[in-house]
Amino acid sequence: MKRTARHPARAFTLIDVMVSMAVVAVLIGLLLPSLRGVTSTGKRVACSSNIRQIGLGLHMYADDWNGFVVPSRYVPGWSPKYRDSDAAEMMTLRLANDADGLWGQSWDGLGRLTAANYLDAPKIYYCPSHHGSHKFTQYADAFGLDTRVAIGNYQYRGRGPNDSRFLYDIIPSASALVSDGLQSKLDYNHQFGLNVLLADLHVVWLSDADHALYNSLPDDAEEYGAASAVNDAWSAIDNRHTTSTGNGGGGK
C-alpha cells in the first residue's frame, strides 16, 4: 500500500500574529465609541434616578412641613446671614459647623433630607458622571459622626421662579427645583446636557448640544459673578423646558 506523505502543520509566524493583532485593534477602535455611548447613557440614567429620589424626599418633606420646600441659609427669607452671592453655594449639603446653619444645625438644603431621615443613601447626592472635585469619596465621612463640610453634585434652587418657598405655590410643570451642578463648569456633570427635577416630581433631560448653558457658567465657583450666572442658568433652564414642551405649565 502506498503511503501518502504527511506534511507538518504550519505554525503561526510573526507576521500572522501581527496581522491578527492589527485586526483586533481595528475592531476595538470601531467598538469603543459605541461602548462609551452605552456607558454615558447608563450614567445619565443613574443620575436621573438620583434626582428623582431627591424629588421624592422634597415632596415628603413638604407634606410634613406645611408645604414648605427644604430650607437653606443660602435662600432669601431663611437666614439673616443671607448674601446676594449665596446662590452659587446651593450644592452645599453640610456646613462647617452648627452655628452657621439654620436653627443650630449644620445640615443645609438638600442635606437636611438626610438629617431628617427622608434620604438615607448619601451616594444619591453624587452623579456617576461627575468629573470635578466634589466626589463622594471626598465627603463620605461627613455623612457619619464627623462634622465637616459636604458638597454634592446637584444644584438646589430652594424656591420657585416666583420666589415662593411654598411648594404648592410653584407652577409644577414649568419650574425647575433641582438640576445637575451649576456652580461652575467643573460641576456640570454631563457633556451635552443635564437632568432637571421639576416641581411636579418630573425629571427631564435638557439637551445642551451647543454648550450655550455650559459656557455661561464660571470657570471657578469663587469667581466674581458666579451667583448671577447660577440665577441666569435657572431662568434659561425654565425657558428651555417650556420651549421644548410648548407648555407653560398648569395651575398650582
C-alpha atoms as a PDB file:
ATOM      1  CA  MET A   1       0.000   0.000   0.000  1.00  0.00           C
ATOM      2  CA  LYS A   2       1.315   3.346  -0.989  1.00  0.00           C
ATOM      3  CA  ARG A   3       1.643   5.761   1.889  1.00  0.00           C
ATOM      4  CA  THR A   4       0.776   9.385   1.491  1.00  0.00           C
ATOM      5  CA  ALA A   5       3.412  11.713   2.815  1.00  0.00           C
ATOM      6  CA  ARG A   6       2.290  13.864   5.748  1.00  0.00           C
ATOM      7  CA  HIS A   7       3.240  17.486   5.931  1.00  0.00           C
ATOM      8  CA  PRO A   8       3.755  19.049   9.349  1.00  0.00           C
ATOM      9  CA  ALA A   9       1.092  21.613  10.431  1.00  0.00           C
ATOM     10  CA  ARG A  10       2.073  25.164   9.592  1.00  0.00           C
ATOM     11  CA  ALA A  11       2.800  27.185  12.721  1.00  0.00           C
ATOM     12  CA  PHE A  12       1.842  30.826  13.223  1.00  0.00           C
ATOM     13  CA  THR A  13       4.515  33.154  12.046  1.00  0.00           C
ATOM     14  CA  LEU A  14       5.330  36.531  13.493  1.00  0.00           C
ATOM     15  CA  ILE A  15       3.551  38.126  10.541  1.00  0.00           C
ATOM     16  CA  ASP A  16       0.377  36.123  11.278  1.00  0.00           C
ATOM     17  CA  VAL A  17       0.415  37.291  14.898  1.00  0.00           C
ATOM     18  CA  MET A  18       0.959  40.916  13.889  1.00  0.00           C
ATOM     19  CA  VAL A  19      -1.887  40.773  11.343  1.00  0.00           C
ATOM     20  CA  SER A  20      -4.211  39.253  13.960  1.00  0.00           C
ATOM     21  CA  MET A  21      -3.284  41.961  16.466  1.00  0.00           C
ATOM     22  CA  ALA A  22      -3.919  44.653  13.877  1.00  0.00           C
ATOM     23  CA  VAL A  23      -7.377  43.221  13.099  1.00  0.00           C
ATOM     24  CA  VAL A  24      -8.235  43.096  16.818  1.00  0.00           C
ATOM     25  CA  ALA A  25      -7.038  46.694  17.257  1.00  0.00           C
ATOM     26  CA  VAL A  26      -9.237  47.855  14.364  1.00  0.00           C
ATOM     27  CA  LEU A  27     -12.272  46.052  15.827  1.00  0.00           C
ATOM     28  CA  ILE A  28     -11.663  47.591  19.246  1.00  0.00           C
ATOM     29  CA  GLY A  29     -11.365  51.017  17.622  1.00  0.00           C
ATOM     30  CA  LEU A  30     -14.708  50.503  15.896  1.00  0.00           C
ATOM     31  CA  LEU A  31     -16.454  49.291  19.062  1.00  0.00           C
ATOM     32  CA  LEU A  32     -15.086  51.810  21.582  1.00  0.00           C
ATOM     33  CA  PRO A  33     -17.323  54.755  20.566  1.00  0.00           C
ATOM     34  CA  SER A  34     -20.383  52.523  20.958  1.00  0.00           C
ATOM     35  CA  LEU A  35     -19.198  51.277  24.344  1.00  0.00           C
ATOM     36  CA  ARG A  36     -18.524  54.822  25.506  1.00  0.00           C
ATOM     37  CA  GLY A  37     -22.008  55.815  24.402  1.00  0.00           C
ATOM     38  CA  VAL A  38     -23.584  52.935  26.346  1.00  0.00           C
ATOM     39  CA  THR A  39     -21.589  53.848  29.457  1.00  0.00           C
ATOM     40  CA  SER A  40     -22.507  57.527  29.166  1.00  0.00           C
ATOM     41  CA  THR A  41     -26.207  56.703  28.749  1.00  0.00           C
ATOM     42  CA  GLY A  42     -26.123  54.361  31.736  1.00  0.00           C
ATOM     43  CA  LYS A  43     -24.605  57.056  33.944  1.00  0.00           C
ATOM     44  CA  ARG A  44     -27.152  59.580  32.724  1.00  0.00           C
ATOM     45  CA  VAL A  45     -29.981  57.218  33.674  1.00  0.00           C
ATOM     46  CA  ALA A  46     -28.437  56.603  37.109  1.00  0.00           C
ATOM     47  CA  CYS A  47     -28.164  60.367  37.598  1.00  0.00           C
ATOM     48  CA  SER A  48     -31.823  60.791  36.645  1.00  0.00           C
ATOM     49  CA  SER A  49     -32.755  58.152  39.222  1.00  0.00           C
ATOM     50  CA  ASN A  50     -30.778  60.012  41.905  1.00  0.00           C
ATOM     51  CA  ILE A  51     -32.590  63.259  41.167  1.00  0.00           C
ATOM     52  CA  ARG A  52     -35.962  61.509  41.194  1.00  0.00           C
ATOM     53  CA  GLN A  53     -35.189  60.108  44.666  1.00  0.00           C
ATOM     54  CA  ILE A  54     -34.249  63.597  45.822  1.00  0.00           C
ATOM     55  CA  GLY A  55     -37.551  64.834  44.409  1.00  0.00           C
ATOM     56  CA  LEU A  56     -39.469  62.224  46.407  1.00  0.00           C
ATOM     57  CA  GLY A  57     -37.637  63.399  49.533  1.00  0.00           C
ATOM     58  CA  LEU A  58     -38.527  67.024  48.787  1.00  0.00           C
ATOM     59  CA  HIS A  59     -42.206  66.209  48.386  1.00  0.00           C
ATOM     60  CA  MET A  60     -42.310  64.113  51.571  1.00  0.00           C
ATOM     61  CA  TYR A  61     -40.642  66.978  53.413  1.00  0.00           C
ATOM     62  CA  ALA A  62     -43.202  69.457  52.063  1.00  0.00           C
ATOM     63  CA  ASP A  63     -46.075  67.177  53.082  1.00  0.00           C
ATOM     64  CA  ASP A  64     -44.724  67.045  56.637  1.00  0.00           C
ATOM     65  CA  TRP A  65     -43.778  70.735  56.928  1.00  0.00           C
ATOM     66  CA  ASN A  66     -46.886  72.608  55.825  1.00  0.00           C
ATOM     67  CA  GLY A  67     -45.920  72.694  52.178  1.00  0.00           C
ATOM     68  CA  PHE A  68     -42.534  74.375  52.534  1.00  0.00           C
ATOM     69  CA  VAL A  69     -39.582  73.230  50.450  1.00  0.00           C
ATOM     70  CA  VAL A  70     -36.403  72.228  52.259  1.00  0.00           C
ATOM     71  CA  PRO A  71     -34.845  75.368  53.787  1.00  0.00           C
ATOM     72  CA  SER A  72     -31.339  76.669  53.201  1.00  0.00           C
ATOM     73  CA  ARG A  73     -29.359  79.514  54.669  1.00  0.00           C
ATOM     74  CA  TYR A  74     -28.409  80.365  51.083  1.00  0.00           C
ATOM     75  CA  VAL A  75     -32.014  81.184  50.115  1.00  0.00           C
ATOM     76  CA  PRO A  76     -33.554  84.614  50.880  1.00  0.00           C
ATOM     77  CA  GLY A  77     -36.022  84.585  53.751  1.00  0.00           C
ATOM     78  CA  TRP A  78     -34.493  81.787  55.795  1.00  0.00           C
ATOM     79  CA  SER A  79     -31.455  83.381  57.394  1.00  0.00           C
ATOM     80  CA  PRO A  80     -30.314  86.906  58.328  1.00  0.00           C
ATOM     81  CA  LYS A  81     -26.860  85.798  57.135  1.00  0.00           C
ATOM     82  CA  TYR A  82     -28.040  85.569  53.520  1.00  0.00           C
ATOM     83  CA  ARG A  83     -25.923  87.390  50.933  1.00  0.00           C
ATOM     84  CA  ASP A  84     -26.616  88.041  47.262  1.00  0.00           C
ATOM     85  CA  SER A  85     -23.619  85.892  46.369  1.00  0.00           C
ATOM     86  CA  ASP A  86     -25.078  82.803  48.084  1.00  0.00           C
ATOM     87  CA  ALA A  87     -26.949  81.367  45.079  1.00  0.00           C
ATOM     88  CA  ALA A  88     -23.724  79.722  43.919  1.00  0.00           C
ATOM     89  CA  GLU A  89     -23.468  77.771  47.203  1.00  0.00           C
ATOM     90  CA  MET A  90     -26.604  75.700  46.705  1.00  0.00           C
ATOM     91  CA  MET A  91     -24.723  72.443  46.145  1.00  0.00           C
ATOM     92  CA  THR A  92     -23.769  72.519  49.836  1.00  0.00           C
ATOM     93  CA  LEU A  93     -25.199  69.674  51.924  1.00  0.00           C
ATOM     94  CA  ARG A  94     -23.466  70.369  55.219  1.00  0.00           C
ATOM     95  CA  LEU A  95     -21.806  73.467  56.641  1.00  0.00           C
ATOM     96  CA  ALA A  96     -18.556  73.637  58.569  1.00  0.00           C
ATOM     97  CA  ASN A  97     -20.303  73.994  61.933  1.00  0.00           C
ATOM     98  CA  ASP A  98     -23.745  74.117  63.504  1.00  0.00           C
ATOM     99  CA  ALA A  99     -23.516  77.821  64.293  1.00  0.00           C
ATOM    100  CA  ASP A 100     -23.512  78.677  60.571  1.00  0.00           C
ATOM    101  CA  GLY A 101     -26.684  76.706  59.881  1.00  0.00           C
ATOM    102  CA  LEU A 102     -30.383  77.302  60.365  1.00  0.00           C
ATOM    103  CA  TRP A 103     -31.687  76.651  63.863  1.00  0.00           C
ATOM    104  CA  GLY A 104     -28.284  75.467  65.058  1.00  0.00           C
ATOM    105  CA  GLN A 105     -27.903  72.636  62.533  1.00  0.00           C
ATOM    106  CA  SER A 106     -25.024  72.197  60.112  1.00  0.00           C
ATOM    107  CA  TRP A 107     -27.072  70.225  57.554  1.00  0.00           C
ATOM    108  CA  ASP A 108     -28.365  72.561  54.867  1.00  0.00           C
ATOM    109  CA  GLY A 109     -30.545  72.477  51.768  1.00  0.00           C
ATOM    110  CA  LEU A 110     -30.832  69.010  50.272  1.00  0.00           C
ATOM    111  CA  GLY A 111     -28.589  67.699  53.056  1.00  0.00           C
ATOM    112  CA  ARG A 112     -31.450  68.244  55.507  1.00  0.00           C
ATOM    113  CA  LEU A 113     -33.276  65.392  53.779  1.00  0.00           C
ATOM    114  CA  THR A 114     -30.604  63.062  55.135  1.00  0.00           C
ATOM    115  CA  ALA A 115     -30.567  64.673  58.576  1.00  0.00           C
ATOM    116  CA  ALA A 116     -34.373  64.235  58.791  1.00  0.00           C
ATOM    117  CA  ASN A 117     -34.199  60.618  57.503  1.00  0.00           C
ATOM    118  CA  TYR A 118     -36.020  61.228  54.231  1.00  0.00           C
ATOM    119  CA  LEU A 119     -32.959  60.028  52.286  1.00  0.00           C
ATOM    120  CA  ASP A 120     -30.611  57.507  53.863  1.00  0.00           C
ATOM    121  CA  ALA A 121     -28.214  56.775  50.981  1.00  0.00           C
ATOM    122  CA  PRO A 122     -25.559  59.535  50.699  1.00  0.00           C
ATOM    123  CA  LYS A 123     -24.493  58.451  47.204  1.00  0.00           C
ATOM    124  CA  ILE A 124     -27.843  59.731  45.914  1.00  0.00           C
ATOM    125  CA  TYR A 125     -26.318  63.232  46.074  1.00  0.00           C
ATOM    126  CA  TYR A 126     -23.499  62.285  43.694  1.00  0.00           C
ATOM    127  CA  CYS A 127     -23.703  61.911  39.921  1.00  0.00           C
ATOM    128  CA  PRO A 128     -21.722  58.992  38.416  1.00  0.00           C
ATOM    129  CA  SER A 129     -20.686  61.294  35.547  1.00  0.00           C
ATOM    130  CA  HIS A 130     -19.205  63.980  37.807  1.00  0.00           C
ATOM    131  CA  HIS A 131     -15.679  64.910  36.722  1.00  0.00           C
ATOM    132  CA  GLY A 132     -14.936  67.768  39.131  1.00  0.00           C
ATOM    133  CA  SER A 133     -13.524  67.805  42.644  1.00  0.00           C
ATOM    134  CA  HIS A 134     -16.755  67.083  44.561  1.00  0.00           C
ATOM    135  CA  LYS A 135     -16.693  63.284  44.571  1.00  0.00           C
ATOM    136  CA  PHE A 136     -18.467  61.131  47.144  1.00  0.00           C
ATOM    137  CA  THR A 137     -15.193  59.669  48.440  1.00  0.00           C
ATOM    138  CA  GLN A 138     -14.093  63.157  49.458  1.00  0.00           C
ATOM    139  CA  TYR A 139     -17.166  63.717  51.644  1.00  0.00           C
ATOM    140  CA  ALA A 140     -18.180  60.218  52.774  1.00  0.00           C
ATOM    141  CA  ASP A 141     -17.083  60.859  56.378  1.00  0.00           C
ATOM    142  CA  ALA A 142     -19.357  63.911  56.608  1.00  0.00           C
ATOM    143  CA  PHE A 143     -22.367  61.583  56.494  1.00  0.00           C
ATOM    144  CA  GLY A 144     -21.171  59.755  59.593  1.00  0.00           C
ATOM    145  CA  LEU A 145     -20.327  61.124  63.004  1.00  0.00           C
ATOM    146  CA  ASP A 146     -17.749  63.598  61.760  1.00  0.00           C
ATOM    147  CA  THR A 147     -18.876  67.194  61.455  1.00  0.00           C
ATOM    148  CA  ARG A 148     -17.371  68.577  58.302  1.00  0.00           C
ATOM    149  CA  VAL A 149     -18.367  70.301  55.090  1.00  0.00           C
ATOM    150  CA  ALA A 150     -20.130  68.212  52.441  1.00  0.00           C
ATOM    151  CA  ILE A 151     -20.853  69.330  48.885  1.00  0.00           C
ATOM    152  CA  GLY A 152     -22.932  67.287  46.450  1.00  0.00           C
ATOM    153  CA  ASN A 153     -23.206  67.238  42.662  1.00  0.00           C
ATOM    154  CA  TYR A 154     -26.728  68.623  42.350  1.00  0.00           C
ATOM    155  CA  GLN A 155     -27.837  72.246  42.419  1.00  0.00           C
ATOM    156  CA  TYR A 156     -30.778  73.064  44.665  1.00  0.00           C
ATOM    157  CA  ARG A 157     -32.876  76.107  43.874  1.00  0.00           C
ATOM    158  CA  GLY A 158     -34.690  76.363  47.207  1.00  0.00           C
ATOM    159  CA  ARG A 159     -37.608  78.377  45.824  1.00  0.00           C
ATOM    160  CA  GLY A 160     -39.692  78.771  42.698  1.00  0.00           C
ATOM    161  CA  PRO A 161     -39.185  81.250  39.860  1.00  0.00           C
ATOM    162  CA  ASN A 162     -41.813  83.354  41.649  1.00  0.00           C
ATOM    163  CA  ASP A 163     -39.544  83.351  44.778  1.00  0.00           C
ATOM    164  CA  SER A 164     -42.064  81.282  46.741  1.00  0.00           C
ATOM    165  CA  ARG A 165     -40.721  78.763  49.253  1.00  0.00           C
ATOM    166  CA  PHE A 166     -44.129  77.098  49.406  1.00  0.00           C
ATOM    167  CA  LEU A 167     -44.114  74.099  47.065  1.00  0.00           C
ATOM    168  CA  TYR A 168     -47.778  74.318  46.137  1.00  0.00           C
ATOM    169  CA  ASP A 169     -47.427  77.938  45.018  1.00  0.00           C
ATOM    170  CA  ILE A 170     -44.838  76.932  42.405  1.00  0.00           C
ATOM    171  CA  ILE A 171     -46.062  76.142  38.874  1.00  0.00           C
ATOM    172  CA  PRO A 172     -45.459  72.390  38.914  1.00  0.00           C
ATOM    173  CA  SER A 173     -44.624  71.511  35.307  1.00  0.00           C
ATOM    174  CA  ALA A 174     -42.646  74.624  34.391  1.00  0.00           C
ATOM    175  CA  SER A 175     -40.415  75.241  37.409  1.00  0.00           C
ATOM    176  CA  ALA A 176     -37.044  73.607  37.981  1.00  0.00           C
ATOM    177  CA  LEU A 177     -36.092  72.868  41.604  1.00  0.00           C
ATOM    178  CA  VAL A 178     -33.010  70.631  41.283  1.00  0.00           C
ATOM    179  CA  SER A 179     -30.539  70.083  38.456  1.00  0.00           C
ATOM    180  CA  ASP A 180     -27.073  68.792  37.766  1.00  0.00           C
ATOM    181  CA  GLY A 181     -24.432  71.100  39.235  1.00  0.00           C
ATOM    182  CA  LEU A 182     -24.300  74.703  38.023  1.00  0.00           C
ATOM    183  CA  GLN A 183     -21.741  76.117  40.443  1.00  0.00           C
ATOM    184  CA  SER A 184     -19.004  76.095  37.803  1.00  0.00           C
ATOM    185  CA  LYS A 185     -18.031  74.376  34.559  1.00  0.00           C
ATOM    186  CA  LEU A 186     -16.400  71.578  36.583  1.00  0.00           C
ATOM    187  CA  ASP A 187     -19.718  70.909  38.314  1.00  0.00           C
ATOM    188  CA  TYR A 188     -21.570  70.448  35.020  1.00  0.00           C
ATOM    189  CA  ASN A 189     -21.812  66.662  35.248  1.00  0.00           C
ATOM    190  CA  HIS A 190     -22.666  65.631  31.672  1.00  0.00           C
ATOM    191  CA  GLN A 191     -21.157  66.576  28.351  1.00  0.00           C
ATOM    192  CA  PHE A 192     -24.196  67.556  26.311  1.00  0.00           C
ATOM    193  CA  GLY A 193     -26.979  68.410  28.742  1.00  0.00           C
ATOM    194  CA  LEU A 194     -28.347  67.983  32.246  1.00  0.00           C
ATOM    195  CA  ASN A 195     -31.037  66.243  34.256  1.00  0.00           C
ATOM    196  CA  VAL A 196     -33.593  68.552  35.845  1.00  0.00           C
ATOM    197  CA  LEU A 197     -36.244  67.966  38.506  1.00  0.00           C
ATOM    198  CA  LEU A 198     -39.432  69.972  38.021  1.00  0.00           C
ATOM    199  CA  ALA A 199     -41.749  70.910  40.872  1.00  0.00           C
ATOM    200  CA  ASP A 200     -44.233  68.209  39.804  1.00  0.00           C
ATOM    201  CA  LEU A 201     -41.610  65.493  40.547  1.00  0.00           C
ATOM    202  CA  HIS A 202     -40.981  65.031  36.829  1.00  0.00           C
ATOM    203  CA  VAL A 203     -37.330  64.554  35.786  1.00  0.00           C
ATOM    204  CA  VAL A 204     -36.445  65.759  32.287  1.00  0.00           C
ATOM    205  CA  TRP A 205     -33.285  65.719  30.217  1.00  0.00           C
ATOM    206  CA  LEU A 206     -32.429  69.096  28.691  1.00  0.00           C
ATOM    207  CA  SER A 207     -30.030  68.985  25.781  1.00  0.00           C
ATOM    208  CA  ASP A 208     -27.137  71.434  25.692  1.00  0.00           C
ATOM    209  CA  ALA A 209     -25.603  70.253  22.441  1.00  0.00           C
ATOM    210  CA  ASP A 210     -24.459  73.777  21.585  1.00  0.00           C
ATOM    211  CA  HIS A 211     -22.829  74.154  25.048  1.00  0.00           C
ATOM    212  CA  ALA A 212     -24.559  77.506  25.497  1.00  0.00           C
ATOM    213  CA  LEU A 213     -25.579  76.766  29.087  1.00  0.00           C
ATOM    214  CA  TYR A 214     -22.208  75.224  29.921  1.00  0.00           C
ATOM    215  CA  ASN A 215     -20.333  78.222  28.515  1.00  0.00           C
ATOM    216  CA  SER A 216     -22.454  80.604  30.592  1.00  0.00           C
ATOM    217  CA  LEU A 217     -21.094  79.139  33.842  1.00  0.00           C
ATOM    218  CA  PRO A 218     -17.947  80.456  35.562  1.00  0.00           C
ATOM    219  CA  ASP A 219     -14.699  78.525  35.366  1.00  0.00           C
ATOM    220  CA  ASP A 220     -14.451  78.675  39.156  1.00  0.00           C
ATOM    221  CA  ALA A 221     -17.187  78.807  41.802  1.00  0.00           C
ATOM    222  CA  GLU A 222     -15.287  81.567  43.611  1.00  0.00           C
ATOM    223  CA  GLU A 223     -15.263  83.741  40.516  1.00  0.00           C
ATOM    224  CA  TYR A 224     -16.973  87.120  40.761  1.00  0.00           C
ATOM    225  CA  GLY A 225     -20.490  86.945  39.350  1.00  0.00           C
ATOM    226  CA  ALA A 226     -20.897  83.192  39.950  1.00  0.00           C
ATOM    227  CA  ALA A 227     -24.211  83.716  41.770  1.00  0.00           C
ATOM    228  CA  SER A 228     -25.618  85.776  38.887  1.00  0.00           C
ATOM    229  CA  ALA A 229     -24.535  83.066  36.456  1.00  0.00           C
ATOM    230  CA  VAL A 230     -26.389  80.442  38.508  1.00  0.00           C
ATOM    231  CA  ASN A 231     -29.563  82.543  38.655  1.00  0.00           C
ATOM    232  CA  ASP A 232     -29.369  83.153  34.908  1.00  0.00           C
ATOM    233  CA  ALA A 233     -28.883  79.411  34.370  1.00  0.00           C
ATOM    234  CA  TRP A 234     -32.076  78.633  36.312  1.00  0.00           C
ATOM    235  CA  SER A 235     -34.007  81.072  34.124  1.00  0.00           C
ATOM    236  CA  ALA A 236     -32.501  79.526  30.996  1.00  0.00           C
ATOM    237  CA  ILE A 237     -33.467  76.037  32.206  1.00  0.00           C
ATOM    238  CA  ASP A 238     -37.061  77.132  32.830  1.00  0.00           C
ATOM    239  CA  ASN A 239     -37.231  78.738  29.385  1.00  0.00           C
ATOM    240  CA  ARG A 240     -35.673  75.768  27.615  1.00  0.00           C
ATOM    241  CA  HIS A 241     -38.080  73.323  29.209  1.00  0.00           C
ATOM    242  CA  THR A 242     -41.113  75.493  28.444  1.00  0.00           C
ATOM    243  CA  THR A 243     -39.951  75.951  24.841  1.00  0.00           C
ATOM    244  CA  SER A 244     -39.162  72.266  24.305  1.00  0.00           C
ATOM    245  CA  THR A 245     -42.547  71.133  25.644  1.00  0.00           C
ATOM    246  CA  GLY A 246     -44.580  74.036  24.301  1.00  0.00           C
ATOM    247  CA  ASN A 247     -46.269  74.183  27.691  1.00  0.00           C
ATOM    248  CA  GLY A 248     -46.010  76.953  30.226  1.00  0.00           C
ATOM    249  CA  GLY A 249     -47.378  74.746  32.983  1.00  0.00           C
ATOM    250  CA  GLY A 250     -50.678  74.451  34.690  1.00  0.00           C
ATOM    251  CA  GLY A 251     -52.046  75.825  37.918  1.00  0.00           C
ATOM    252  CA  LYS A 252     -50.850  75.164  41.412  1.00  0.00           C
END
